[in-house]
C-alpha atoms as a PDB file:
ATOM      1  CA  MET A   1       0.000   0.000   0.000  1.00  0.00           C
ATOM      2  CA  THR A   2       2.861   2.328   0.811  1.00  0.00           C
ATOM      3  CA  ARG A   3       4.445   1.702  -2.604  1.00  0.00           C
ATOM      4  CA  ILE A   4       1.100   2.284  -4.359  1.00  0.00           C
ATOM      5  CA  ARG A   5       0.572   5.561  -2.541  1.00  0.00           C
ATOM      6  CA  TRP A   6       4.110   6.625  -3.520  1.00  0.00           C
ATOM      7  CA  LEU A   7       3.484   5.806  -7.189  1.00  0.00           C
ATOM      8  CA  ASN A   8       0.176   7.705  -7.094  1.00  0.00           C
ATOM      9  CA  ALA A   9       1.945  10.687  -5.612  1.00  0.00           C
ATOM     10  CA  LEU A  10       4.542  10.588  -8.392  1.00  0.00           C
ATOM     11  CA  ALA A  11       1.781  10.398 -11.013  1.00  0.00           C
ATOM     12  CA  ALA A  12       0.005  13.379  -9.472  1.00  0.00           C
ATOM     13  CA  LEU A  13       3.248  15.363  -9.449  1.00  0.00           C
ATOM     14  CA  ALA A  14       3.896  14.503 -13.089  1.00  0.00           C
ATOM     15  CA  LEU A  15       0.399  15.655 -14.073  1.00  0.00           C
ATOM     16  CA  ALA A  16       0.872  18.909 -12.177  1.00  0.00           C
ATOM     17  CA  THR A  17       4.216  19.487 -13.882  1.00  0.00           C
ATOM     18  CA  LEU A  18       2.727  18.870 -17.341  1.00  0.00           C
ATOM     19  CA  SER A  19      -0.142  21.211 -16.515  1.00  0.00           C
ATOM     20  CA  LEU A  20       2.247  23.967 -15.542  1.00  0.00           C
ATOM     21  CA  GLY A  21       4.248  23.372 -18.690  1.00  0.00           C
ATOM     22  CA  ALA A  22       1.125  23.741 -20.815  1.00  0.00           C
ATOM     23  CA  ARG A  23       0.300  27.067 -19.199  1.00  0.00           C
ATOM     24  CA  ALA A  24       3.769  28.527 -19.417  1.00  0.00           C
ATOM     25  CA  GLY A  25       5.798  29.449 -22.471  1.00  0.00           C
ATOM     26  CA  ASP A  26       6.074  31.747 -25.468  1.00  0.00           C
ATOM     27  CA  ILE A  27       3.359  33.451 -27.466  1.00  0.00           C
ATOM     28  CA  THR A  28       3.770  35.447 -30.653  1.00  0.00           C
ATOM     29  CA  VAL A  29       1.756  38.648 -30.872  1.00  0.00           C
ATOM     30  CA  TYR A  30       1.305  40.969 -33.860  1.00  0.00           C
ATOM     31  CA  THR A  31       0.283  44.559 -33.096  1.00  0.00           C
ATOM     32  CA  ALA A  32      -0.120  48.001 -34.634  1.00  0.00           C
ATOM     33  CA  LEU A  33      -0.085  49.824 -31.290  1.00  0.00           C
ATOM     34  CA  GLU A  34       2.537  52.519 -30.747  1.00  0.00           C
ATOM     35  CA  GLU A  35       5.921  51.182 -29.643  1.00  0.00           C
ATOM     36  CA  ASP A  36       6.127  53.228 -26.444  1.00  0.00           C
ATOM     37  CA  ASP A  37       2.633  52.107 -25.408  1.00  0.00           C
ATOM     38  CA  VAL A  38       3.470  48.465 -26.119  1.00  0.00           C
ATOM     39  CA  ARG A  39       6.515  48.648 -23.842  1.00  0.00           C
ATOM     40  CA  VAL A  40       4.442  50.009 -20.964  1.00  0.00           C
ATOM     41  CA  TYR A  41       1.621  47.485 -21.400  1.00  0.00           C
ATOM     42  CA  LEU A  42       3.963  44.489 -21.608  1.00  0.00           C
ATOM     43  CA  THR A  43       5.969  45.605 -18.587  1.00  0.00           C
ATOM     44  CA  GLU A  44       2.770  45.602 -16.539  1.00  0.00           C
ATOM     45  CA  PHE A  45       1.603  42.286 -18.031  1.00  0.00           C
ATOM     46  CA  ASN A  46       4.908  40.644 -17.111  1.00  0.00           C
ATOM     47  CA  LYS A  47       4.470  41.620 -13.467  1.00  0.00           C
ATOM     48  CA  THR A  48       1.495  39.292 -13.123  1.00  0.00           C
ATOM     49  CA  HIS A  49       2.475  36.773 -15.814  1.00  0.00           C
ATOM     50  CA  PRO A  50       6.261  36.350 -15.566  1.00  0.00           C
ATOM     51  CA  ASP A  51       5.992  32.820 -16.962  1.00  0.00           C
ATOM     52  CA  ILE A  52       4.762  34.048 -20.364  1.00  0.00           C
ATOM     53  CA  LYS A  53       7.238  35.414 -22.876  1.00  0.00           C
ATOM     54  CA  VAL A  54       5.627  37.659 -25.489  1.00  0.00           C
ATOM     55  CA  ASN A  55       7.417  37.644 -28.835  1.00  0.00           C
ATOM     56  CA  LEU A  56       6.219  40.799 -30.547  1.00  0.00           C
ATOM     57  CA  LEU A  57       6.045  42.089 -34.099  1.00  0.00           C
ATOM     58  CA  ARG A  58       4.989  45.737 -34.362  1.00  0.00           C
ATOM     59  CA  LEU A  59       4.163  47.307 -37.736  1.00  0.00           C
ATOM     60  CA  SER A  60       1.986  50.128 -39.026  1.00  0.00           C
ATOM     61  CA  THR A  61      -1.566  48.941 -39.644  1.00  0.00           C
ATOM     62  CA  GLY A  62      -1.406  48.596 -43.417  1.00  0.00           C
ATOM     63  CA  ASP A  63       1.933  46.798 -43.323  1.00  0.00           C
ATOM     64  CA  LEU A  64       0.762  44.509 -40.523  1.00  0.00           C
ATOM     65  CA  VAL A  65      -2.386  43.461 -42.371  1.00  0.00           C
ATOM     66  CA  ALA A  66      -0.350  42.804 -45.510  1.00  0.00           C
ATOM     67  CA  ARG A  67       1.996  40.608 -43.448  1.00  0.00           C
ATOM     68  CA  ILE A  68      -0.901  38.663 -41.910  1.00  0.00           C
ATOM     69  CA  LEU A  69      -2.432  37.989 -45.326  1.00  0.00           C
ATOM     70  CA  ALA A  70       0.918  37.028 -46.830  1.00  0.00           C
ATOM     71  CA  GLU A  71       1.374  34.434 -44.069  1.00  0.00           C
ATOM     72  CA  LYS A  72      -2.211  33.159 -44.241  1.00  0.00           C
ATOM     73  CA  ALA A  73      -1.204  29.693 -45.439  1.00  0.00           C
ATOM     74  CA  ASN A  74       1.200  29.350 -42.514  1.00  0.00           C
ATOM     75  CA  PRO A  75       0.389  31.890 -39.759  1.00  0.00           C
ATOM     76  CA  ARG A  76       3.271  32.638 -37.401  1.00  0.00           C
ATOM     77  CA  HIS A  77       1.322  34.475 -34.715  1.00  0.00           C
ATOM     78  CA  ASP A  78      -0.961  33.400 -31.894  1.00  0.00           C
ATOM     79  CA  VAL A  79      -2.671  36.728 -31.241  1.00  0.00           C
ATOM     80  CA  ILE A  80      -3.444  39.974 -33.053  1.00  0.00           C
ATOM     81  CA  TRP A  81      -3.436  42.824 -30.556  1.00  0.00           C
ATOM     82  CA  GLY A  82      -4.729  46.394 -30.862  1.00  0.00           C
ATOM     83  CA  THR A  83      -5.268  46.746 -34.609  1.00  0.00           C
ATOM     84  CA  ALA A  84      -7.982  48.713 -36.420  1.00  0.00           C
ATOM     85  CA  VAL A  85     -11.281  46.840 -36.713  1.00  0.00           C
ATOM     86  CA  THR A  86     -11.791  48.249 -40.208  1.00  0.00           C
ATOM     87  CA  GLN A  87      -8.643  46.443 -41.327  1.00  0.00           C
ATOM     88  CA  LEU A  88      -9.244  43.201 -39.407  1.00  0.00           C
ATOM     89  CA  SER A  89     -12.832  42.912 -40.663  1.00  0.00           C
ATOM     90  CA  ASP A  90     -11.379  41.573 -43.898  1.00  0.00           C
ATOM     91  CA  PRO A  91     -13.132  38.184 -44.368  1.00  0.00           C
ATOM     92  CA  ARG A  92      -9.765  36.553 -45.092  1.00  0.00           C
ATOM     93  CA  ILE A  93      -8.582  37.560 -41.612  1.00  0.00           C
ATOM     94  CA  LEU A  94     -11.843  36.882 -39.794  1.00  0.00           C
ATOM     95  CA  GLU A  95     -11.807  33.274 -40.984  1.00  0.00           C
ATOM     96  CA  MET A  96      -8.428  32.889 -39.262  1.00  0.00           C
ATOM     97  CA  ALA A  97      -9.859  33.967 -35.895  1.00  0.00           C
ATOM     98  CA  GLU A  98     -10.980  31.497 -33.243  1.00  0.00           C
ATOM     99  CA  PRO A  99     -14.047  32.650 -31.284  1.00  0.00           C
ATOM    100  CA  TYR A 100     -13.127  33.371 -27.677  1.00  0.00           C
ATOM    101  CA  LYS A 101     -14.860  35.143 -24.796  1.00  0.00           C
ATOM    102  CA  PRO A 102     -12.164  36.546 -22.502  1.00  0.00           C
ATOM    103  CA  ALA A 103     -12.817  37.048 -18.809  1.00  0.00           C
ATOM    104  CA  GLY A 104     -14.618  40.369 -18.303  1.00  0.00           C
ATOM    105  CA  ILE A 105     -16.026  40.583 -21.828  1.00  0.00           C
ATOM    106  CA  ASP A 106     -19.596  40.815 -20.521  1.00  0.00           C
ATOM    107  CA  GLN A 107     -18.766  44.271 -19.124  1.00  0.00           C
ATOM    108  CA  VAL A 108     -17.716  45.561 -22.547  1.00  0.00           C
ATOM    109  CA  LYS A 109     -20.354  47.435 -24.543  1.00  0.00           C
ATOM    110  CA  THR A 110     -21.812  45.718 -27.588  1.00  0.00           C
ATOM    111  CA  ALA A 111     -20.236  48.181 -30.041  1.00  0.00           C
ATOM    112  CA  PHE A 112     -16.776  47.078 -28.920  1.00  0.00           C
ATOM    113  CA  LYS A 113     -17.115  43.325 -29.480  1.00  0.00           C
ATOM    114  CA  ASP A 114     -17.964  40.990 -32.317  1.00  0.00           C
ATOM    115  CA  PRO A 115     -21.331  39.162 -32.025  1.00  0.00           C
ATOM    116  CA  GLN A 116     -19.503  35.978 -33.059  1.00  0.00           C
ATOM    117  CA  ASN A 117     -16.754  36.539 -30.445  1.00  0.00           C
ATOM    118  CA  ARG A 118     -13.975  36.724 -33.031  1.00  0.00           C
ATOM    119  CA  TRP A 119     -12.655  40.061 -31.739  1.00  0.00           C
ATOM    120  CA  PHE A 120     -13.042  42.639 -29.005  1.00  0.00           C
ATOM    121  CA  ALA A 121     -11.763  46.191 -28.601  1.00  0.00           C
ATOM    122  CA  THR A 122     -10.018  47.641 -25.578  1.00  0.00           C
ATOM    123  CA  THR A 123      -8.949  51.010 -26.990  1.00  0.00           C
ATOM    124  CA  GLY A 124      -9.587  53.363 -29.881  1.00  0.00           C
ATOM    125  CA  TYR A 125      -8.315  56.538 -31.476  1.00  0.00           C
ATOM    126  CA  PHE A 126      -9.653  59.546 -33.345  1.00  0.00           C
ATOM    127  CA  ALA A 127      -8.251  62.193 -35.660  1.00  0.00           C
ATOM    128  CA  GLY A 128      -6.762  65.434 -34.406  1.00  0.00           C
ATOM    129  CA  PHE A 129      -4.590  68.306 -35.607  1.00  0.00           C
ATOM    130  CA  CYS A 130      -1.279  68.930 -33.833  1.00  0.00           C
ATOM    131  CA  VAL A 131      -0.673  72.642 -34.345  1.00  0.00           C
ATOM    132  CA  ASN A 132       2.656  74.223 -33.428  1.00  0.00           C
ATOM    133  CA  THR A 133       1.748  77.585 -31.896  1.00  0.00           C
ATOM    134  CA  ASP A 134       5.317  78.922 -32.218  1.00  0.00           C
ATOM    135  CA  VAL A 135       5.385  78.217 -35.960  1.00  0.00           C
ATOM    136  CA  LEU A 136       1.951  79.830 -36.413  1.00  0.00           C
ATOM    137  CA  LYS A 137       3.160  82.954 -34.654  1.00  0.00           C
ATOM    138  CA  LYS A 138       6.436  83.073 -36.567  1.00  0.00           C
ATOM    139  CA  LYS A 139       4.718  82.667 -39.949  1.00  0.00           C
ATOM    140  CA  ASN A 140       1.638  84.713 -38.992  1.00  0.00           C
ATOM    141  CA  LEU A 141      -0.728  81.846 -39.733  1.00  0.00           C
ATOM    142  CA  PRO A 142      -4.280  81.502 -38.350  1.00  0.00           C
ATOM    143  CA  MET A 143      -5.259  78.684 -35.984  1.00  0.00           C
ATOM    144  CA  PRO A 144      -7.260  76.091 -37.944  1.00  0.00           C
ATOM    145  CA  ALA A 145     -10.476  74.829 -36.359  1.00  0.00           C
ATOM    146  CA  SER A 146     -11.876  72.490 -39.009  1.00  0.00           C
ATOM    147  CA  TRP A 147     -11.058  70.272 -41.950  1.00  0.00           C
ATOM    148  CA  GLN A 148     -12.356  73.017 -44.201  1.00  0.00           C
ATOM    149  CA  ASP A 149      -9.896  75.513 -42.728  1.00  0.00           C
ATOM    150  CA  LEU A 150      -6.985  73.354 -43.899  1.00  0.00           C
ATOM    151  CA  LEU A 151      -7.761  74.275 -47.520  1.00  0.00           C
ATOM    152  CA  ASN A 152      -6.634  77.863 -46.865  1.00  0.00           C
ATOM    153  CA  PRO A 153      -3.724  78.513 -49.289  1.00  0.00           C
ATOM    154  CA  VAL A 154      -1.699  80.106 -46.450  1.00  0.00           C
ATOM    155  CA  TYR A 155      -0.975  76.570 -45.186  1.00  0.00           C
ATOM    156  CA  LYS A 156       0.677  75.440 -48.432  1.00  0.00           C
ATOM    157  CA  GLY A 157       3.679  73.263 -47.574  1.00  0.00           C
ATOM    158  CA  GLN A 158       2.935  73.462 -43.841  1.00  0.00           C
ATOM    159  CA  ILE A 159       0.783  70.314 -43.367  1.00  0.00           C
ATOM    160  CA  VAL A 160       1.822  66.670 -43.048  1.00  0.00           C
ATOM    161  CA  MET A 161      -0.438  63.651 -42.598  1.00  0.00           C
ATOM    162  CA  PRO A 162      -0.183  59.838 -42.527  1.00  0.00           C
ATOM    163  CA  ASN A 163      -0.231  57.867 -45.746  1.00  0.00           C
ATOM    164  CA  ALA A 164      -3.525  55.986 -45.927  1.00  0.00           C
ATOM    165  CA  ALA A 165      -1.876  53.045 -47.692  1.00  0.00           C
ATOM    166  CA  SER A 166       0.345  52.201 -44.705  1.00  0.00           C
ATOM    167  CA  SER A 167      -1.242  53.923 -41.704  1.00  0.00           C
ATOM    168  CA  GLY A 168      -4.542  53.059 -40.036  1.00  0.00           C
ATOM    169  CA  THR A 169      -4.766  56.686 -38.908  1.00  0.00           C
ATOM    170  CA  GLY A 170      -4.278  57.862 -42.479  1.00  0.00           C
ATOM    171  CA  PHE A 171      -6.991  55.545 -43.770  1.00  0.00           C
ATOM    172  CA  LEU A 172      -9.298  56.672 -40.966  1.00  0.00           C
ATOM    173  CA  MET A 173      -8.849  60.299 -42.011  1.00  0.00           C
ATOM    174  CA  ILE A 174      -9.680  59.858 -45.668  1.00  0.00           C
ATOM    175  CA  GLU A 175     -12.515  57.410 -44.927  1.00  0.00           C
ATOM    176  CA  SER A 176     -14.074  59.836 -42.430  1.00  0.00           C
ATOM    177  CA  ILE A 177     -13.900  62.639 -45.016  1.00  0.00           C
ATOM    178  CA  LEU A 178     -15.615  60.387 -47.580  1.00  0.00           C
ATOM    179  CA  GLN A 179     -18.334  59.423 -45.112  1.00  0.00           C
ATOM    180  CA  MET A 180     -18.874  63.055 -44.074  1.00  0.00           C
ATOM    181  CA  LYS A 181     -18.990  64.526 -47.572  1.00  0.00           C
ATOM    182  CA  GLY A 182     -19.909  61.636 -49.841  1.00  0.00           C
ATOM    183  CA  ASP A 183     -17.577  60.177 -52.473  1.00  0.00           C
ATOM    184  CA  ALA A 184     -17.582  62.960 -55.081  1.00  0.00           C
ATOM    185  CA  LYS A 185     -17.193  65.903 -52.700  1.00  0.00           C
ATOM    186  CA  GLY A 186     -14.918  63.888 -50.430  1.00  0.00           C
ATOM    187  CA  TRP A 187     -12.383  63.029 -53.131  1.00  0.00           C
ATOM    188  CA  GLN A 188     -12.461  66.600 -54.403  1.00  0.00           C
ATOM    189  CA  TYR A 189     -11.731  67.824 -50.880  1.00  0.00           C
ATOM    190  CA  LEU A 190      -8.790  65.412 -50.546  1.00  0.00           C
ATOM    191  CA  LYS A 191      -7.364  66.573 -53.880  1.00  0.00           C
ATOM    192  CA  ASP A 192      -7.729  70.209 -52.778  1.00  0.00           C
ATOM    193  CA  LEU A 193      -6.069  69.396 -49.448  1.00  0.00           C
ATOM    194  CA  ASP A 194      -3.198  67.747 -51.321  1.00  0.00           C
ATOM    195  CA  LYS A 195      -2.288  71.170 -52.733  1.00  0.00           C
ATOM    196  CA  ASN A 196      -1.310  72.266 -49.211  1.00  0.00           C
ATOM    197  CA  MET A 197       0.294  68.980 -48.182  1.00  0.00           C
ATOM    198  CA  ALA A 198       4.066  68.900 -47.713  1.00  0.00           C
ATOM    199  CA  GLN A 199       4.291  65.107 -47.527  1.00  0.00           C
ATOM    200  CA  TYR A 200       2.545  61.902 -46.492  1.00  0.00           C
ATOM    201  CA  ILE A 201       4.178  59.946 -43.673  1.00  0.00           C
ATOM    202  CA  LYS A 202       4.114  56.185 -43.111  1.00  0.00           C
ATOM    203  CA  SER A 203       3.372  56.505 -39.394  1.00  0.00           C
ATOM    204  CA  GLY A 204       0.192  57.721 -37.704  1.00  0.00           C
ATOM    205  CA  SER A 205       2.053  59.489 -34.890  1.00  0.00           C
ATOM    206  CA  ARG A 206       5.009  60.878 -36.825  1.00  0.00           C
ATOM    207  CA  PRO A 207       3.213  63.917 -38.341  1.00  0.00           C
ATOM    208  CA  CYS A 208       2.466  65.206 -34.837  1.00  0.00           C
ATOM    209  CA  LYS A 209       6.075  64.676 -33.775  1.00  0.00           C
ATOM    210  CA  MET A 210       7.272  66.600 -36.833  1.00  0.00           C
ATOM    211  CA  ALA A 211       4.970  69.484 -35.940  1.00  0.00           C
ATOM    212  CA  ALA A 212       6.195  69.352 -32.344  1.00  0.00           C
ATOM    213  CA  THR A 213       9.811  69.911 -33.400  1.00  0.00           C
ATOM    214  CA  GLY A 214       8.823  72.768 -35.717  1.00  0.00           C
ATOM    215  CA  GLU A 215       9.429  71.044 -39.043  1.00  0.00           C
ATOM    216  CA  TYR A 216       5.858  71.886 -40.053  1.00  0.00           C
ATOM    217  CA  ALA A 217       3.046  73.976 -38.632  1.00  0.00           C
ATOM    218  CA  ILE A 218       0.373  71.274 -38.644  1.00  0.00           C
ATOM    219  CA  GLY A 219       0.629  67.526 -38.225  1.00  0.00           C
ATOM    220  CA  LEU A 220      -2.508  65.454 -38.763  1.00  0.00           C
ATOM    221  CA  SER A 221      -2.354  62.488 -36.390  1.00  0.00           C
ATOM    222  CA  PHE A 222      -4.446  60.586 -33.896  1.00  0.00           C
ATOM    223  CA  ALA A 223      -5.386  62.844 -30.997  1.00  0.00           C
ATOM    224  CA  PHE A 224      -3.359  61.144 -28.287  1.00  0.00           C
ATOM    225  CA  SER A 225      -0.166  61.762 -30.197  1.00  0.00           C
ATOM    226  CA  GLY A 226      -0.854  65.463 -29.631  1.00  0.00           C
ATOM    227  CA  VAL A 227      -1.610  64.851 -25.960  1.00  0.00           C
ATOM    228  CA  LYS A 228       1.783  63.166 -25.546  1.00  0.00           C
ATOM    229  CA  GLN A 229       3.656  66.022 -27.213  1.00  0.00           C
ATOM    230  CA  ILE A 230       1.890  68.589 -25.038  1.00  0.00           C
ATOM    231  CA  MET A 231       2.675  66.645 -21.863  1.00  0.00           C
ATOM    232  CA  GLU A 232       6.324  66.521 -22.945  1.00  0.00           C
ATOM    233  CA  GLY A 233       6.394  70.312 -23.133  1.00  0.00           C
ATOM    234  CA  TYR A 234       6.269  70.975 -26.877  1.00  0.00           C
ATOM    235  CA  PRO A 235       4.387  74.084 -28.129  1.00  0.00           C
ATOM    236  CA  ILE A 236       1.504  72.039 -29.521  1.00  0.00           C
ATOM    237  CA  LYS A 237      -2.215  72.769 -29.395  1.00  0.00           C
ATOM    238  CA  LEU A 238      -4.539  69.837 -30.002  1.00  0.00           C
ATOM    239  CA  VAL A 239      -7.361  70.788 -32.363  1.00  0.00           C
ATOM    240  CA  ILE A 240     -10.282  68.433 -32.876  1.00  0.00           C
ATOM    241  CA  PRO A 241     -11.965  69.268 -36.208  1.00  0.00           C
ATOM    242  CA  ALA A 242     -15.267  71.090 -35.824  1.00  0.00           C
ATOM    243  CA  GLU A 243     -16.997  68.770 -38.313  1.00  0.00           C
ATOM    244  CA  GLY A 244     -16.302  65.888 -35.904  1.00  0.00           C
ATOM    245  CA  ALA A 245     -13.366  63.521 -35.599  1.00  0.00           C
ATOM    246  CA  GLY A 246     -13.500  60.199 -37.369  1.00  0.00           C
ATOM    247  CA  TYR A 247     -12.527  57.357 -35.072  1.00  0.00           C
ATOM    248  CA  GLU A 248     -11.426  53.745 -35.072  1.00  0.00           C
ATOM    249  CA  ILE A 249     -11.456  50.997 -32.460  1.00  0.00           C
ATOM    250  CA  GLU A 250      -8.430  48.768 -31.862  1.00  0.00           C
ATOM    251  CA  VAL A 251      -9.303  45.103 -31.600  1.00  0.00           C
ATOM    252  CA  SER A 252      -7.621  41.875 -30.545  1.00  0.00           C
ATOM    253  CA  MET A 253      -8.246  38.277 -31.588  1.00  0.00           C
ATOM    254  CA  LEU A 254      -7.071  34.713 -31.040  1.00  0.00           C
ATOM    255  CA  MET A 255      -5.846  32.723 -34.042  1.00  0.00           C
ATOM    256  CA  LYS A 256      -7.215  29.267 -34.835  1.00  0.00           C
ATOM    257  CA  THR A 257      -3.644  28.206 -35.551  1.00  0.00           C
ATOM    258  CA  ALA A 258      -2.214  29.545 -32.282  1.00  0.00           C
ATOM    259  CA  LYS A 259       0.502  27.194 -31.044  1.00  0.00           C
ATOM    260  CA  ASN A 260       0.010  28.182 -27.408  1.00  0.00           C
ATOM    261  CA  LYS A 261      -3.690  28.795 -26.880  1.00  0.00           C
ATOM    262  CA  PRO A 262      -3.720  28.611 -23.052  1.00  0.00           C
ATOM    263  CA  ASP A 263      -1.203  31.444 -22.657  1.00  0.00           C
ATOM    264  CA  SER A 264      -2.671  33.366 -25.576  1.00  0.00           C
ATOM    265  CA  LYS A 265      -6.015  33.326 -23.766  1.00  0.00           C
ATOM    266  CA  ARG A 266      -4.360  34.494 -20.533  1.00  0.00           C
ATOM    267  CA  PHE A 267      -2.885  37.428 -22.475  1.00  0.00           C
ATOM    268  CA  LEU A 268      -6.277  38.327 -23.969  1.00  0.00           C
ATOM    269  CA  ASP A 269      -7.911  38.032 -20.539  1.00  0.00           C
ATOM    270  CA  TRP A 270      -5.373  40.467 -19.090  1.00  0.00           C
ATOM    271  CA  LEU A 271      -6.307  43.120 -21.657  1.00  0.00           C
ATOM    272  CA  LEU A 272      -9.676  43.500 -19.887  1.00  0.00           C
ATOM    273  CA  THR A 273      -8.334  43.721 -16.319  1.00  0.00           C
ATOM    274  CA  LEU A 274      -8.314  46.795 -14.105  1.00  0.00           C
ATOM    275  CA  ASP A 275      -4.500  46.838 -14.254  1.00  0.00           C
ATOM    276  CA  ALA A 276      -4.687  47.240 -18.021  1.00  0.00           C
ATOM    277  CA  ALA A 277      -7.603  49.707 -17.809  1.00  0.00           C
ATOM    278  CA  LYS A 278      -5.556  52.097 -15.663  1.00  0.00           C
ATOM    279  CA  LEU A 279      -2.897  52.183 -18.364  1.00  0.00           C
ATOM    280  CA  TYR A 280      -5.488  52.856 -21.069  1.00  0.00           C
ATOM    281  CA  GLY A 281      -6.589  55.940 -19.118  1.00  0.00           C
ATOM    282  CA  GLU A 282      -3.013  57.206 -19.231  1.00  0.00           C
ATOM    283  CA  ARG A 283      -2.123  56.264 -22.811  1.00  0.00           C
ATOM    284  CA  SER A 284      -5.229  56.160 -25.008  1.00  0.00           C
ATOM    285  CA  GLU A 285      -7.897  58.658 -25.994  1.00  0.00           C
ATOM    286  CA  MET A 286     -10.731  56.166 -25.574  1.00  0.00           C
ATOM    287  CA  SER A 287     -11.293  52.746 -24.020  1.00  0.00           C
ATOM    288  CA  SER A 288     -14.076  50.188 -23.695  1.00  0.00           C
ATOM    289  CA  VAL A 289     -12.778  48.718 -20.427  1.00  0.00           C
ATOM    290  CA  PRO A 290     -14.481  49.700 -17.150  1.00  0.00           C
ATOM    291  CA  GLY A 291     -12.040  51.570 -14.933  1.00  0.00           C
ATOM    292  CA  ALA A 292     -10.213  53.296 -17.791  1.00  0.00           C
ATOM    293  CA  LYS A 293     -10.429  56.986 -16.952  1.00  0.00           C
ATOM    294  CA  PRO A 294      -8.308  59.806 -18.409  1.00  0.00           C
ATOM    295  CA  THR A 295      -5.848  61.280 -15.940  1.00  0.00           C
ATOM    296  CA  GLU A 296      -5.795  64.954 -14.979  1.00  0.00           C
ATOM    297  CA  ALA A 297      -2.618  65.426 -17.030  1.00  0.00           C
ATOM    298  CA  VAL A 298      -4.309  63.996 -20.118  1.00  0.00           C
ATOM    299  CA  LEU A 299      -7.368  66.220 -19.687  1.00  0.00           C
ATOM    300  CA  LYS A 300      -5.174  69.269 -19.117  1.00  0.00           C
ATOM    301  CA  ALA A 301      -3.398  68.524 -22.395  1.00  0.00           C
ATOM    302  CA  GLY A 302      -6.684  68.895 -24.273  1.00  0.00           C
ATOM    303  CA  LEU A 303      -8.415  65.532 -24.383  1.00  0.00           C
ATOM    304  CA  PRO A 304     -12.192  65.983 -23.842  1.00  0.00           C
ATOM    305  CA  ALA A 305     -13.561  64.391 -20.677  1.00  0.00           C
ATOM    306  CA  ASP A 306     -16.336  62.898 -22.818  1.00  0.00           C
ATOM    307  CA  VAL A 307     -14.860  62.031 -26.199  1.00  0.00           C
ATOM    308  CA  SER A 308     -18.253  60.955 -27.544  1.00  0.00           C
ATOM    309  CA  THR A 309     -19.127  64.660 -27.901  1.00  0.00           C
ATOM    310  CA  VAL A 310     -16.445  65.227 -30.556  1.00  0.00           C
ATOM    311  CA  LEU A 311     -16.655  62.022 -32.599  1.00  0.00           C
ATOM    312  CA  TYR A 312     -18.141  61.680 -36.051  1.00  0.00           C
ATOM    313  CA  LYS A 313     -20.221  58.491 -36.068  1.00  0.00           C
ATOM    314  CA  MET A 314     -18.316  56.160 -38.349  1.00  0.00           C
ATOM    315  CA  ASN A 315     -19.889  53.271 -40.231  1.00  0.00           C
ATOM    316  CA  PHE A 316     -17.270  50.531 -39.756  1.00  0.00           C
ATOM    317  CA  ASP A 317     -19.063  48.147 -42.117  1.00  0.00           C
ATOM    318  CA  THR A 318     -18.770  50.733 -44.881  1.00  0.00           C
ATOM    319  CA  SER A 319     -15.122  51.370 -44.026  1.00  0.00           C
ATOM    320  CA  ALA A 320     -14.290  47.663 -44.203  1.00  0.00           C
ATOM    321  CA  ARG A 321     -16.342  47.018 -47.349  1.00  0.00           C
ATOM    322  CA  ASP A 322     -14.855  49.932 -49.286  1.00  0.00           C
ATOM    323  CA  LYS A 323     -11.265  49.683 -48.011  1.00  0.00           C
ATOM    324  CA  ASP A 324      -9.678  48.153 -51.115  1.00  0.00           C
ATOM    325  CA  LYS A 325     -11.567  50.474 -53.468  1.00  0.00           C
ATOM    326  CA  VAL A 326     -10.697  53.567 -51.412  1.00  0.00           C
ATOM    327  CA  LEU A 327      -7.019  52.661 -51.166  1.00  0.00           C
ATOM    328  CA  ALA A 328      -6.819  51.954 -54.895  1.00  0.00           C
ATOM    329  CA  GLU A 329      -8.247  55.399 -55.622  1.00  0.00           C
ATOM    330  CA  TRP A 330      -5.909  56.971 -53.070  1.00  0.00           C
ATOM    331  CA  LYS A 331      -2.839  55.386 -54.642  1.00  0.00           C
ATOM    332  CA  SER A 332      -3.821  56.295 -58.182  1.00  0.00           C
ATOM    333  CA  SER A 333      -4.907  59.901 -57.632  1.00  0.00           C
ATOM    334  CA  ILE A 334      -3.180  61.289 -54.525  1.00  0.00           C
ATOM    335  CA  GLU A 335      -0.394  59.204 -52.986  1.00  0.00           C
ATOM    336  CA  ARG A 336       3.119  60.479 -53.597  1.00  0.00           C
END
């Protein structure tokens, strides 16, 4: 009996060891989130999950989606994290997703989660103008308040914006203009705006950084890029266009082909925790997670306490459906 009990104890220990091994290990995550935000989020994640190593690939939205589709026959990632829903709604990507309901998902509003549980959003972003007040004063330029104001010839060569072909922020901007104005007037507006444009940048945050250092008067970026520059002491004013700011939500999903599903699910669960929510309040202009509240410093920098008051209501189905057509037109008539 003693020997049997000893063997049973060894068997139990072996099962426990295998169980731990299944829960611990590497996961590969693809993301379009900003690099400095990713570092902060992963540092906090590692505090509570030191047994999970996150191997990360970070690319701009357009480049990331192209990579995912190129690897479709042999996916190399377990999780997609924080990437525009308009881009991930591509049917070719959705069929790669495994339905999953992370812990806490019931507290997330319906608009921020897929009815089929293929994705959920934790954060989002909206368009804003980063205006360098020193450059305006030096060049005697007026403060813009709207998209329409940007057509003023006095801004010629003083505006930079993200390239819609590579940047989710860039695509958001042109898609919001098209939804606001309709196709004909929208494309005409974009061609008129191009006359004042100095260049199109691959990154969604870079135009704001270029305005912050005085290279240009106005950088069109996502709003929180402006908040960051203001908090760092640059002479930037965040302007939210009077017509309303187009917005996008950043979603995450589990892959059917994930090699480490247990740890991938633990990572997705963490994205909806209070620990993560506190970081969203510090580093994102909007969040779906209860407990994510903007800090006083963020509000002082110009982010509205209630961002819903400044958003233009986007139709994400339209954005996803028309993406290829819009980008083809962009590349043929405007991109340079």
